[in-house]
Amino acid sequence: MEKAASFLSSLIGGGGAGEEPAATVASILIYPIKSCKGVSVPQAPVTSFGFRWDRQWLVVSAKGRALTQRVEPKMALVEAELPPEAFDEDWQSTPDSCLVIRAPGMDTLKVPLAAEGERATLDGVSVWEWSGSAYDEGAQATEWFSAYFGKPTRLVRFKEDTEIRPTDPDYAQGYKITFTDAFPFLMASQGSLDALNELLKEPVPIDRFRPNIVVDGCHPYSEDLWKALKINTLSFEGVKLCARCKVPTVNQDTGMFGTEPTETMLTFRSGEAIRPSHKNKQKVYFGQNLVCKESVSAKGKGRVVKVGDPVYVLQTYPSPNEAPA
């Protein structure tokens, strides 16, 4: 009994004074352009849409449809760089502030962060079930991305001032996102990655799974069970296990498809293996989608997640079979 209690305690951690955290934030990753390369940062402010700058830009086809690595794996090679100070809580852009974009064989593209006068708008922009309008980042960006992909494409920016893209109310009511797939935050643990890599012939890095928050110090797949947690002083809720598409099979260094790690994950991380009483038996799961309660309340100071922050788990699901997915 003592061993079982000790193991459960290590999964849950604590939230009170003097109690041990369940894990620590090991890294924070922001993806300024959806489906393009991520940026590792020491801290990230929490906004009403998720982390600041995360999936704020989107590459769209001539018809306004979102491009992702599912169809265009070479998106993995597109780097988007922001000023380091842009991740400070009180930072404001200046006329010289730019999103700097690079890709193999392409000149560097600079997209101003500050709005200058009237901004052109593109209607009919769509991501999955959502459609709306977005800011068009102009002719130079259109030329750059069209040349890179070899077909007409545009770069657009989410209109935070007028557009609302809600999360799925079946899992999280009252939250909103930019161009993220479904939820504001995705968490995964280093322990889960290490356990997976022990089964693979060639280990994969965490960037295959595109998390926002990577934690360390917990047992593999502990995050499956985390229902209510605190990161430093911010309250998060685990709302849905992350069912993986084929993006984890894209090598983020080469932009090429493979079969792993999905092929191996089907043997022990499928719905059949971890959620036997549910449908979707052939989906594979890695990571936990989160919402942050402070993101929907009035603005306040100190809403920043930093590398090194303790993670306290206050409530857990009984098993992955009982966790939403």
C-alpha atoms as a PDB file:
ATOM      1  CA  MET A   1       0.000   0.000   0.000  1.00  0.00           C
ATOM      2  CA  GLU A   2       2.797   2.399   0.883  1.00  0.00           C
ATOM      3  CA  LYS A   3       4.439   1.875  -2.517  1.00  0.00           C
ATOM      4  CA  ALA A   4       1.135   2.499  -4.302  1.00  0.00           C
ATOM      5  CA  ALA A   5       0.528   5.652  -2.287  1.00  0.00           C
ATOM      6  CA  SER A   6       4.058   6.834  -2.978  1.00  0.00           C
ATOM      7  CA  PHE A   7       3.622   6.281  -6.739  1.00  0.00           C
ATOM      8  CA  LEU A   8       0.281   8.130  -6.767  1.00  0.00           C
ATOM      9  CA  SER A   9       1.863  10.988  -4.853  1.00  0.00           C
ATOM     10  CA  SER A  10       4.649  11.207  -7.419  1.00  0.00           C
ATOM     11  CA  LEU A  11       2.060  11.476 -10.198  1.00  0.00           C
ATOM     12  CA  ILE A  12       0.006  14.115  -8.447  1.00  0.00           C
ATOM     13  CA  GLY A  13       2.613  16.216  -6.675  1.00  0.00           C
ATOM     14  CA  GLY A  14       1.275  18.902  -4.404  1.00  0.00           C
ATOM     15  CA  GLY A  15      -0.037  22.408  -4.455  1.00  0.00           C
ATOM     16  CA  GLY A  16       0.207  23.523  -0.878  1.00  0.00           C
ATOM     17  CA  ALA A  17       2.978  25.144   1.092  1.00  0.00           C
ATOM     18  CA  GLY A  18       5.935  22.849   1.467  1.00  0.00           C
ATOM     19  CA  GLU A  19       4.562  20.203  -0.901  1.00  0.00           C
ATOM     20  CA  GLU A  20       6.680  18.891  -3.728  1.00  0.00           C
ATOM     21  CA  PRO A  21       5.772  19.765  -7.333  1.00  0.00           C
ATOM     22  CA  ALA A  22       4.940  16.919  -9.711  1.00  0.00           C
ATOM     23  CA  ALA A  23       7.289  18.282 -12.374  1.00  0.00           C
ATOM     24  CA  THR A  24       9.163  21.346 -13.581  1.00  0.00           C
ATOM     25  CA  VAL A  25       8.804  23.324 -16.806  1.00  0.00           C
ATOM     26  CA  ALA A  26      11.814  22.205 -18.856  1.00  0.00           C
ATOM     27  CA  SER A  27      11.163  24.203 -22.029  1.00  0.00           C
ATOM     28  CA  ILE A  28       8.616  26.480 -23.666  1.00  0.00           C
ATOM     29  CA  LEU A  29       8.000  26.415 -27.402  1.00  0.00           C
ATOM     30  CA  ILE A  30       6.155  28.974 -29.495  1.00  0.00           C
ATOM     31  CA  TYR A  31       5.147  28.438 -33.138  1.00  0.00           C
ATOM     32  CA  PRO A  32       4.619  31.926 -34.618  1.00  0.00           C
ATOM     33  CA  ILE A  33       3.514  30.565 -38.013  1.00  0.00           C
ATOM     34  CA  LYS A  34       1.205  27.561 -37.849  1.00  0.00           C
ATOM     35  CA  SER A  35       2.945  24.336 -38.901  1.00  0.00           C
ATOM     36  CA  CYS A  36       6.344  26.018 -39.260  1.00  0.00           C
ATOM     37  CA  LYS A  37       9.389  25.625 -37.003  1.00  0.00           C
ATOM     38  CA  GLY A  38       9.027  26.445 -33.316  1.00  0.00           C
ATOM     39  CA  VAL A  39      11.008  28.881 -31.195  1.00  0.00           C
ATOM     40  CA  SER A  40      12.355  27.886 -27.777  1.00  0.00           C
ATOM     41  CA  VAL A  41      11.974  30.741 -25.291  1.00  0.00           C
ATOM     42  CA  PRO A  42      12.822  31.195 -21.585  1.00  0.00           C
ATOM     43  CA  GLN A  43       9.363  32.573 -20.812  1.00  0.00           C
ATOM     44  CA  ALA A  44       6.024  33.303 -22.479  1.00  0.00           C
ATOM     45  CA  PRO A  45       3.194  35.623 -21.429  1.00  0.00           C
ATOM     46  CA  VAL A  46      -0.306  34.129 -21.282  1.00  0.00           C
ATOM     47  CA  THR A  47      -2.933  36.042 -23.289  1.00  0.00           C
ATOM     48  CA  SER A  48      -6.639  35.430 -23.832  1.00  0.00           C
ATOM     49  CA  PHE A  49      -5.697  33.248 -26.847  1.00  0.00           C
ATOM     50  CA  GLY A  50      -2.844  31.212 -25.350  1.00  0.00           C
ATOM     51  CA  PHE A  51       0.844  32.104 -25.326  1.00  0.00           C
ATOM     52  CA  ARG A  52       1.615  35.418 -26.999  1.00  0.00           C
ATOM     53  CA  TRP A  53       2.666  34.984 -30.634  1.00  0.00           C
ATOM     54  CA  ASP A  54       1.708  31.294 -30.784  1.00  0.00           C
ATOM     55  CA  ARG A  55       0.158  30.440 -34.186  1.00  0.00           C
ATOM     56  CA  GLN A  56      -0.597  34.121 -34.797  1.00  0.00           C
ATOM     57  CA  TRP A  57       0.307  33.722 -38.492  1.00  0.00           C
ATOM     58  CA  LEU A  58      -0.990  31.273 -41.046  1.00  0.00           C
ATOM     59  CA  VAL A  59      -0.002  30.289 -44.576  1.00  0.00           C
ATOM     60  CA  VAL A  60      -3.057  29.876 -46.790  1.00  0.00           C
ATOM     61  CA  SER A  61      -3.749  28.595 -50.292  1.00  0.00           C
ATOM     62  CA  ALA A  62      -5.242  30.660 -53.099  1.00  0.00           C
ATOM     63  CA  LYS A  63      -8.652  29.609 -51.739  1.00  0.00           C
ATOM     64  CA  GLY A  64      -7.799  30.748 -48.201  1.00  0.00           C
ATOM     65  CA  ARG A  65      -7.402  27.245 -46.772  1.00  0.00           C
ATOM     66  CA  ALA A  66      -4.755  26.673 -44.094  1.00  0.00           C
ATOM     67  CA  LEU A  67      -1.577  24.899 -45.163  1.00  0.00           C
ATOM     68  CA  THR A  68      -0.106  22.430 -42.651  1.00  0.00           C
ATOM     69  CA  GLN A  69       2.647  19.833 -42.556  1.00  0.00           C
ATOM     70  CA  ARG A  70       0.018  17.144 -43.152  1.00  0.00           C
ATOM     71  CA  VAL A  71       0.114  18.151 -46.823  1.00  0.00           C
ATOM     72  CA  GLU A  72       3.211  20.385 -47.006  1.00  0.00           C
ATOM     73  CA  PRO A  73       5.900  18.759 -44.841  1.00  0.00           C
ATOM     74  CA  LYS A  74       8.537  21.277 -46.026  1.00  0.00           C
ATOM     75  CA  MET A  75       6.787  23.805 -43.777  1.00  0.00           C
ATOM     76  CA  ALA A  76       8.932  22.239 -41.039  1.00  0.00           C
ATOM     77  CA  LEU A  77      11.965  23.983 -42.569  1.00  0.00           C
ATOM     78  CA  VAL A  78      10.485  27.495 -42.386  1.00  0.00           C
ATOM     79  CA  GLU A  79      11.982  29.374 -39.417  1.00  0.00           C
ATOM     80  CA  ALA A  80      10.188  32.319 -37.827  1.00  0.00           C
ATOM     81  CA  GLU A  81      12.165  34.507 -35.436  1.00  0.00           C
ATOM     82  CA  LEU A  82      10.812  37.228 -33.149  1.00  0.00           C
ATOM     83  CA  PRO A  83      12.774  39.787 -31.120  1.00  0.00           C
ATOM     84  CA  PRO A  84      13.825  38.075 -27.860  1.00  0.00           C
ATOM     85  CA  GLU A  85      12.323  40.916 -25.851  1.00  0.00           C
ATOM     86  CA  ALA A  86       8.931  40.256 -27.522  1.00  0.00           C
ATOM     87  CA  PHE A  87       8.378  37.601 -24.860  1.00  0.00           C
ATOM     88  CA  ASP A  88       8.652  40.103 -22.010  1.00  0.00           C
ATOM     89  CA  GLU A  89       5.277  40.736 -20.406  1.00  0.00           C
ATOM     90  CA  ASP A  90       5.214  44.507 -20.997  1.00  0.00           C
ATOM     91  CA  TRP A  91       6.912  44.630 -24.413  1.00  0.00           C
ATOM     92  CA  GLN A  92       5.429  46.841 -27.129  1.00  0.00           C
ATOM     93  CA  SER A  93       6.385  46.636 -30.792  1.00  0.00           C
ATOM     94  CA  THR A  94       8.150  49.536 -32.522  1.00  0.00           C
ATOM     95  CA  PRO A  95       8.196  50.502 -36.225  1.00  0.00           C
ATOM     96  CA  ASP A  96      11.437  48.512 -36.553  1.00  0.00           C
ATOM     97  CA  SER A  97      10.113  45.309 -34.928  1.00  0.00           C
ATOM     98  CA  CYS A  98       9.829  42.405 -37.373  1.00  0.00           C
ATOM     99  CA  LEU A  99       8.976  38.757 -37.712  1.00  0.00           C
ATOM    100  CA  VAL A 100      12.026  37.381 -39.524  1.00  0.00           C
ATOM    101  CA  ILE A 101      11.372  34.367 -41.757  1.00  0.00           C
ATOM    102  CA  ARG A 102      13.986  32.072 -43.294  1.00  0.00           C
ATOM    103  CA  ALA A 103      13.894  28.862 -45.340  1.00  0.00           C
ATOM    104  CA  PRO A 104      16.406  26.849 -47.402  1.00  0.00           C
ATOM    105  CA  GLY A 105      17.198  28.491 -50.741  1.00  0.00           C
ATOM    106  CA  MET A 106      15.228  31.639 -49.892  1.00  0.00           C
ATOM    107  CA  ASP A 107      16.231  35.202 -49.073  1.00  0.00           C
ATOM    108  CA  THR A 108      15.290  36.425 -45.599  1.00  0.00           C
ATOM    109  CA  LEU A 109      11.773  37.859 -45.338  1.00  0.00           C
ATOM    110  CA  LYS A 110      10.928  40.526 -42.762  1.00  0.00           C
ATOM    111  CA  VAL A 111       7.315  41.145 -41.778  1.00  0.00           C
ATOM    112  CA  PRO A 112       6.665  44.263 -39.637  1.00  0.00           C
ATOM    113  CA  LEU A 113       4.972  43.575 -36.307  1.00  0.00           C
ATOM    114  CA  ALA A 114       3.540  47.065 -35.909  1.00  0.00           C
ATOM    115  CA  ALA A 115       0.471  48.023 -37.906  1.00  0.00           C
ATOM    116  CA  GLU A 116       1.062  50.927 -40.277  1.00  0.00           C
ATOM    117  CA  GLY A 117      -2.147  52.726 -41.268  1.00  0.00           C
ATOM    118  CA  GLU A 118      -4.995  50.725 -42.782  1.00  0.00           C
ATOM    119  CA  ARG A 119      -4.234  47.014 -42.970  1.00  0.00           C
ATOM    120  CA  ALA A 120      -5.458  44.908 -45.865  1.00  0.00           C
ATOM    121  CA  THR A 121      -7.857  42.138 -44.890  1.00  0.00           C
ATOM    122  CA  LEU A 122      -8.354  38.758 -46.530  1.00  0.00           C
ATOM    123  CA  ASP A 123     -11.823  37.246 -46.156  1.00  0.00           C
ATOM    124  CA  GLY A 124     -12.652  33.544 -46.338  1.00  0.00           C
ATOM    125  CA  VAL A 125      -9.617  32.339 -44.370  1.00  0.00           C
ATOM    126  CA  SER A 126     -10.325  28.872 -42.980  1.00  0.00           C
ATOM    127  CA  VAL A 127      -8.755  26.525 -40.447  1.00  0.00           C
ATOM    128  CA  TRP A 128     -10.648  23.261 -40.029  1.00  0.00           C
ATOM    129  CA  GLU A 129     -14.241  24.138 -39.141  1.00  0.00           C
ATOM    130  CA  TRP A 130     -13.578  27.870 -38.603  1.00  0.00           C
ATOM    131  CA  SER A 131     -13.609  30.577 -41.229  1.00  0.00           C
ATOM    132  CA  GLY A 132     -13.253  34.338 -40.935  1.00  0.00           C
ATOM    133  CA  SER A 133     -11.102  37.252 -41.987  1.00  0.00           C
ATOM    134  CA  ALA A 134      -7.412  37.844 -41.304  1.00  0.00           C
ATOM    135  CA  TYR A 135      -4.826  40.528 -41.948  1.00  0.00           C
ATOM    136  CA  ASP A 136      -2.999  40.022 -45.237  1.00  0.00           C
ATOM    137  CA  GLU A 137       0.746  40.466 -44.725  1.00  0.00           C
ATOM    138  CA  GLY A 138       1.244  41.884 -48.208  1.00  0.00           C
ATOM    139  CA  ALA A 139       2.708  41.314 -51.643  1.00  0.00           C
ATOM    140  CA  GLN A 140       6.289  40.639 -50.557  1.00  0.00           C
ATOM    141  CA  ALA A 141       5.187  37.822 -48.217  1.00  0.00           C
ATOM    142  CA  THR A 142       2.875  36.451 -50.916  1.00  0.00           C
ATOM    143  CA  GLU A 143       5.748  36.351 -53.412  1.00  0.00           C
ATOM    144  CA  TRP A 144       8.097  34.717 -50.890  1.00  0.00           C
ATOM    145  CA  PHE A 145       5.759  31.925 -49.805  1.00  0.00           C
ATOM    146  CA  SER A 146       4.466  31.314 -53.349  1.00  0.00           C
ATOM    147  CA  ALA A 147       8.045  30.863 -54.520  1.00  0.00           C
ATOM    148  CA  TYR A 148       8.866  28.516 -51.635  1.00  0.00           C
ATOM    149  CA  PHE A 149       5.841  26.251 -52.118  1.00  0.00           C
ATOM    150  CA  GLY A 150       5.705  26.570 -55.892  1.00  0.00           C
ATOM    151  CA  LYS A 151       2.047  27.601 -55.904  1.00  0.00           C
ATOM    152  CA  PRO A 152      -0.016  30.676 -54.932  1.00  0.00           C
ATOM    153  CA  THR A 153       0.046  31.138 -51.164  1.00  0.00           C
ATOM    154  CA  ARG A 154      -0.327  34.052 -48.769  1.00  0.00           C
ATOM    155  CA  LEU A 155       0.739  34.853 -45.223  1.00  0.00           C
ATOM    156  CA  VAL A 156      -2.037  36.138 -42.959  1.00  0.00           C
ATOM    157  CA  ARG A 157      -2.224  37.243 -39.343  1.00  0.00           C
ATOM    158  CA  PHE A 158      -5.041  36.568 -36.901  1.00  0.00           C
ATOM    159  CA  LYS A 159      -7.307  39.549 -36.182  1.00  0.00           C
ATOM    160  CA  GLU A 160      -7.388  39.405 -32.404  1.00  0.00           C
ATOM    161  CA  ASP A 161      -9.390  42.630 -32.230  1.00  0.00           C
ATOM    162  CA  THR A 162     -12.429  41.386 -34.192  1.00  0.00           C
ATOM    163  CA  GLU A 163     -12.299  37.619 -34.772  1.00  0.00           C
ATOM    164  CA  ILE A 164     -13.303  34.969 -32.237  1.00  0.00           C
ATOM    165  CA  ARG A 165     -12.375  31.335 -32.744  1.00  0.00           C
ATOM    166  CA  PRO A 166     -13.722  29.339 -29.775  1.00  0.00           C
ATOM    167  CA  THR A 167     -12.407  26.055 -28.440  1.00  0.00           C
ATOM    168  CA  ASP A 168     -14.649  22.999 -28.731  1.00  0.00           C
ATOM    169  CA  PRO A 169     -17.349  23.617 -26.079  1.00  0.00           C
ATOM    170  CA  ASP A 170     -17.686  19.873 -25.503  1.00  0.00           C
ATOM    171  CA  TYR A 171     -14.240  20.015 -23.853  1.00  0.00           C
ATOM    172  CA  ALA A 172     -13.615  23.630 -22.817  1.00  0.00           C
ATOM    173  CA  GLN A 173     -16.256  26.347 -22.744  1.00  0.00           C
ATOM    174  CA  GLY A 174     -15.465  30.042 -22.828  1.00  0.00           C
ATOM    175  CA  TYR A 175     -11.916  29.813 -24.232  1.00  0.00           C
ATOM    176  CA  LYS A 176     -10.609  31.062 -27.558  1.00  0.00           C
ATOM    177  CA  ILE A 177      -7.638  30.419 -29.837  1.00  0.00           C
ATOM    178  CA  THR A 178      -5.854  31.896 -32.840  1.00  0.00           C
ATOM    179  CA  PHE A 179      -4.734  29.475 -35.591  1.00  0.00           C
ATOM    180  CA  THR A 180      -3.917  26.600 -33.205  1.00  0.00           C
ATOM    181  CA  ASP A 181      -5.564  23.301 -34.149  1.00  0.00           C
ATOM    182  CA  ALA A 182      -7.970  23.098 -31.211  1.00  0.00           C
ATOM    183  CA  PHE A 183      -6.784  24.329 -27.801  1.00  0.00           C
ATOM    184  CA  PRO A 184      -4.535  27.110 -26.443  1.00  0.00           C
ATOM    185  CA  PHE A 185      -1.771  24.937 -24.930  1.00  0.00           C
ATOM    186  CA  LEU A 186      -0.276  21.493 -25.444  1.00  0.00           C
ATOM    187  CA  MET A 187       1.819  19.896 -22.707  1.00  0.00           C
ATOM    188  CA  ALA A 188       4.064  16.844 -22.960  1.00  0.00           C
ATOM    189  CA  SER A 189       6.683  15.405 -20.641  1.00  0.00           C
ATOM    190  CA  GLN A 190      10.311  14.516 -21.194  1.00  0.00           C
ATOM    191  CA  GLY A 191       9.594  11.247 -19.379  1.00  0.00           C
ATOM    192  CA  SER A 192       7.013  10.301 -22.007  1.00  0.00           C
ATOM    193  CA  LEU A 193       9.440  11.065 -24.815  1.00  0.00           C
ATOM    194  CA  ASP A 194      12.228   9.097 -23.123  1.00  0.00           C
ATOM    195  CA  ALA A 195       9.939   6.082 -22.670  1.00  0.00           C
ATOM    196  CA  LEU A 196       8.919   6.218 -26.329  1.00  0.00           C
ATOM    197  CA  ASN A 197      12.496   6.569 -27.524  1.00  0.00           C
ATOM    198  CA  GLU A 198      13.498   3.413 -25.646  1.00  0.00           C
ATOM    199  CA  LEU A 199      11.218   1.528 -28.051  1.00  0.00           C
ATOM    200  CA  LEU A 200      12.343   3.217 -31.260  1.00  0.00           C
ATOM    201  CA  LYS A 201      15.268   2.185 -33.448  1.00  0.00           C
ATOM    202  CA  GLU A 202      16.006   5.873 -34.035  1.00  0.00           C
ATOM    203  CA  PRO A 203      15.063   8.271 -31.203  1.00  0.00           C
ATOM    204  CA  VAL A 204      12.944  11.287 -32.092  1.00  0.00           C
ATOM    205  CA  PRO A 205      13.154  14.779 -30.558  1.00  0.00           C
ATOM    206  CA  ILE A 206      10.236  16.460 -28.828  1.00  0.00           C
ATOM    207  CA  ASP A 207       9.695  18.787 -31.809  1.00  0.00           C
ATOM    208  CA  ARG A 208       7.912  15.910 -33.593  1.00  0.00           C
ATOM    209  CA  PHE A 209       4.979  16.503 -31.215  1.00  0.00           C
ATOM    210  CA  ARG A 210       4.973  20.322 -31.289  1.00  0.00           C
ATOM    211  CA  PRO A 211       4.155  20.967 -27.615  1.00  0.00           C
ATOM    212  CA  ASN A 212       4.061  24.419 -26.022  1.00  0.00           C
ATOM    213  CA  ILE A 213       5.127  23.269 -22.573  1.00  0.00           C
ATOM    214  CA  VAL A 214       7.593  20.445 -21.927  1.00  0.00           C
ATOM    215  CA  VAL A 215       7.837  19.295 -18.324  1.00  0.00           C
ATOM    216  CA  ASP A 216      10.390  17.039 -16.674  1.00  0.00           C
ATOM    217  CA  GLY A 217      10.684  15.118 -13.433  1.00  0.00           C
ATOM    218  CA  CYS A 218       7.491  13.050 -13.675  1.00  0.00           C
ATOM    219  CA  HIS A 219       6.755   9.456 -14.673  1.00  0.00           C
ATOM    220  CA  PRO A 220       6.135   8.697 -18.357  1.00  0.00           C
ATOM    221  CA  TYR A 221       2.619   9.646 -19.478  1.00  0.00           C
ATOM    222  CA  SER A 222       1.722  11.123 -16.084  1.00  0.00           C
ATOM    223  CA  GLU A 223       0.351  14.129 -17.960  1.00  0.00           C
ATOM    224  CA  ASP A 224      -2.442  11.914 -19.338  1.00  0.00           C
ATOM    225  CA  LEU A 225      -4.071  12.086 -15.904  1.00  0.00           C
ATOM    226  CA  TRP A 226      -3.553  15.747 -15.005  1.00  0.00           C
ATOM    227  CA  LYS A 227      -6.962  17.386 -14.716  1.00  0.00           C
ATOM    228  CA  ALA A 228      -6.225  20.472 -12.583  1.00  0.00           C
ATOM    229  CA  LEU A 229      -2.738  21.877 -12.205  1.00  0.00           C
ATOM    230  CA  LYS A 230      -0.865  25.012 -11.307  1.00  0.00           C
ATOM    231  CA  ILE A 231       2.229  26.263 -13.064  1.00  0.00           C
ATOM    232  CA  ASN A 232       3.723  28.719 -10.648  1.00  0.00           C
ATOM    233  CA  THR A 233       0.549  30.670  -9.739  1.00  0.00           C
ATOM    234  CA  LEU A 234      -1.453  30.088 -12.945  1.00  0.00           C
ATOM    235  CA  SER A 235      -4.317  27.579 -12.978  1.00  0.00           C
ATOM    236  CA  PHE A 236      -4.515  25.152 -15.902  1.00  0.00           C
ATOM    237  CA  GLU A 237      -6.975  22.404 -16.742  1.00  0.00           C
ATOM    238  CA  GLY A 238      -6.238  19.275 -18.754  1.00  0.00           C
ATOM    239  CA  VAL A 239      -9.202  19.093 -21.127  1.00  0.00           C
ATOM    240  CA  LYS A 240      -8.376  16.520 -23.824  1.00  0.00           C
ATOM    241  CA  LEU A 241      -5.723  13.940 -24.581  1.00  0.00           C
ATOM    242  CA  CYS A 242      -3.983  14.870 -27.809  1.00  0.00           C
ATOM    243  CA  ALA A 243      -4.825  12.461 -30.620  1.00  0.00           C
ATOM    244  CA  ARG A 244      -1.976  12.648 -33.094  1.00  0.00           C
ATOM    245  CA  CYS A 245      -2.247  13.145 -36.853  1.00  0.00           C
ATOM    246  CA  LYS A 246       0.627  12.262 -39.204  1.00  0.00           C
ATOM    247  CA  VAL A 247       2.717  15.359 -38.365  1.00  0.00           C
ATOM    248  CA  PRO A 248       4.839  13.408 -35.794  1.00  0.00           C
ATOM    249  CA  THR A 249       6.053  11.290 -38.729  1.00  0.00           C
ATOM    250  CA  VAL A 250       7.560  14.400 -40.391  1.00  0.00           C
ATOM    251  CA  ASN A 251      11.286  14.772 -39.731  1.00  0.00           C
ATOM    252  CA  GLN A 252      11.485  18.397 -38.601  1.00  0.00           C
ATOM    253  CA  ASP A 253      15.092  18.697 -39.811  1.00  0.00           C
ATOM    254  CA  THR A 254      14.509  17.379 -43.338  1.00  0.00           C
ATOM    255  CA  GLY A 255      10.815  18.052 -43.982  1.00  0.00           C
ATOM    256  CA  MET A 256      10.294  14.428 -45.059  1.00  0.00           C
ATOM    257  CA  PHE A 257       7.589  11.925 -44.085  1.00  0.00           C
ATOM    258  CA  GLY A 258       8.397   8.592 -42.415  1.00  0.00           C
ATOM    259  CA  THR A 259       6.419   5.961 -40.513  1.00  0.00           C
ATOM    260  CA  GLU A 260       7.770   6.466 -36.999  1.00  0.00           C
ATOM    261  CA  PRO A 261       7.018   7.149 -34.206  1.00  0.00           C
ATOM    262  CA  THR A 262       3.359   6.473 -35.074  1.00  0.00           C
ATOM    263  CA  GLU A 263       3.982   2.869 -36.116  1.00  0.00           C
ATOM    264  CA  THR A 264       5.477   2.024 -32.714  1.00  0.00           C
ATOM    265  CA  MET A 265       2.970   4.150 -30.787  1.00  0.00           C
ATOM    266  CA  LEU A 266       0.112   2.128 -32.290  1.00  0.00           C
ATOM    267  CA  THR A 267       1.360  -0.837 -30.278  1.00  0.00           C
ATOM    268  CA  PHE A 268       1.002   0.807 -26.860  1.00  0.00           C
ATOM    269  CA  ARG A 269      -0.468   4.324 -27.144  1.00  0.00           C
ATOM    270  CA  SER A 270      -3.506   3.613 -29.301  1.00  0.00           C
ATOM    271  CA  GLY A 271      -7.096   4.009 -28.167  1.00  0.00           C
ATOM    272  CA  GLU A 272      -7.298   0.246 -28.075  1.00  0.00           C
ATOM    273  CA  ALA A 273      -4.401   0.119 -25.607  1.00  0.00           C
ATOM    274  CA  ILE A 274      -5.156   3.039 -23.269  1.00  0.00           C
ATOM    275  CA  ARG A 275      -8.866   3.788 -23.836  1.00  0.00           C
ATOM    276  CA  PRO A 276     -10.393   0.328 -24.401  1.00  0.00           C
ATOM    277  CA  SER A 277     -13.985   1.320 -23.544  1.00  0.00           C
ATOM    278  CA  HIS A 278     -14.106   4.066 -26.190  1.00  0.00           C
ATOM    279  CA  LYS A 279     -14.244   4.362 -29.965  1.00  0.00           C
ATOM    280  CA  ASN A 280     -11.347   5.568 -32.130  1.00  0.00           C
ATOM    281  CA  LYS A 281      -9.275   2.483 -31.364  1.00  0.00           C
ATOM    282  CA  GLN A 282      -6.605   3.307 -33.958  1.00  0.00           C
ATOM    283  CA  LYS A 283      -5.883   6.873 -32.838  1.00  0.00           C
ATOM    284  CA  VAL A 284      -2.610   7.371 -30.994  1.00  0.00           C
ATOM    285  CA  TYR A 285      -2.226   9.757 -28.077  1.00  0.00           C
ATOM    286  CA  PHE A 286       0.701  11.845 -26.881  1.00  0.00           C
ATOM    287  CA  GLY A 287       0.385  14.934 -24.698  1.00  0.00           C
ATOM    288  CA  GLN A 288      -2.421  16.771 -22.917  1.00  0.00           C
ATOM    289  CA  ASN A 289      -4.314  19.810 -24.198  1.00  0.00           C
ATOM    290  CA  LEU A 290      -4.694  22.590 -21.628  1.00  0.00           C
ATOM    291  CA  VAL A 291      -6.621  25.782 -21.002  1.00  0.00           C
ATOM    292  CA  CYS A 292      -5.578  28.495 -18.539  1.00  0.00           C
ATOM    293  CA  LYS A 293      -8.317  29.881 -16.293  1.00  0.00           C
ATOM    294  CA  GLU A 294      -6.640  33.277 -15.916  1.00  0.00           C
ATOM    295  CA  SER A 295      -6.810  33.809 -19.686  1.00  0.00           C
ATOM    296  CA  VAL A 296     -10.555  34.527 -19.559  1.00  0.00           C
ATOM    297  CA  SER A 297     -10.561  36.917 -16.596  1.00  0.00           C
ATOM    298  CA  ALA A 298      -9.651  40.589 -16.401  1.00  0.00           C
ATOM    299  CA  LYS A 299      -6.087  41.446 -17.293  1.00  0.00           C
ATOM    300  CA  GLY A 300      -3.500  41.257 -14.558  1.00  0.00           C
ATOM    301  CA  LYS A 301       0.231  41.183 -14.021  1.00  0.00           C
ATOM    302  CA  GLY A 302       2.417  38.134 -13.638  1.00  0.00           C
ATOM    303  CA  ARG A 303       0.707  35.938 -16.218  1.00  0.00           C
ATOM    304  CA  VAL A 304       3.919  34.443 -17.496  1.00  0.00           C
ATOM    305  CA  VAL A 305       5.131  30.842 -17.647  1.00  0.00           C
ATOM    306  CA  LYS A 306       8.883  30.479 -17.254  1.00  0.00           C
ATOM    307  CA  VAL A 307      11.363  27.661 -17.717  1.00  0.00           C
ATOM    308  CA  GLY A 308      12.036  26.287 -14.240  1.00  0.00           C
ATOM    309  CA  ASP A 309       8.523  26.963 -12.924  1.00  0.00           C
ATOM    310  CA  PRO A 310       7.159  24.238 -10.642  1.00  0.00           C
ATOM    311  CA  VAL A 311       4.129  22.252 -11.796  1.00  0.00           C
ATOM    312  CA  TYR A 312       1.667  21.281  -9.073  1.00  0.00           C
ATOM    313  CA  VAL A 313      -1.051  18.738  -9.882  1.00  0.00           C
ATOM    314  CA  LEU A 314      -4.192  19.310  -7.822  1.00  0.00           C
ATOM    315  CA  GLN A 315      -6.588  16.815  -9.392  1.00  0.00           C
ATOM    316  CA  THR A 316      -6.212  13.776 -11.646  1.00  0.00           C
ATOM    317  CA  TYR A 317      -8.324  11.542 -13.832  1.00  0.00           C
ATOM    318  CA  PRO A 318      -8.512   7.930 -12.563  1.00  0.00           C
ATOM    319  CA  SER A 319      -6.955   6.574 -15.774  1.00  0.00           C
ATOM    320  CA  PRO A 320      -6.482   7.518 -19.435  1.00  0.00           C
ATOM    321  CA  ASN A 321      -9.667   5.574 -20.121  1.00  0.00           C
ATOM    322  CA  GLU A 322     -11.581   8.166 -18.057  1.00  0.00           C
ATOM    323  CA  ALA A 323      -9.746  11.197 -19.432  1.00  0.00           C
ATOM    324  CA  PRO A 324     -11.473  13.206 -22.196  1.00  0.00           C
ATOM    325  CA  ALA A 325     -10.123  12.485 -25.674  1.00  0.00           C
END
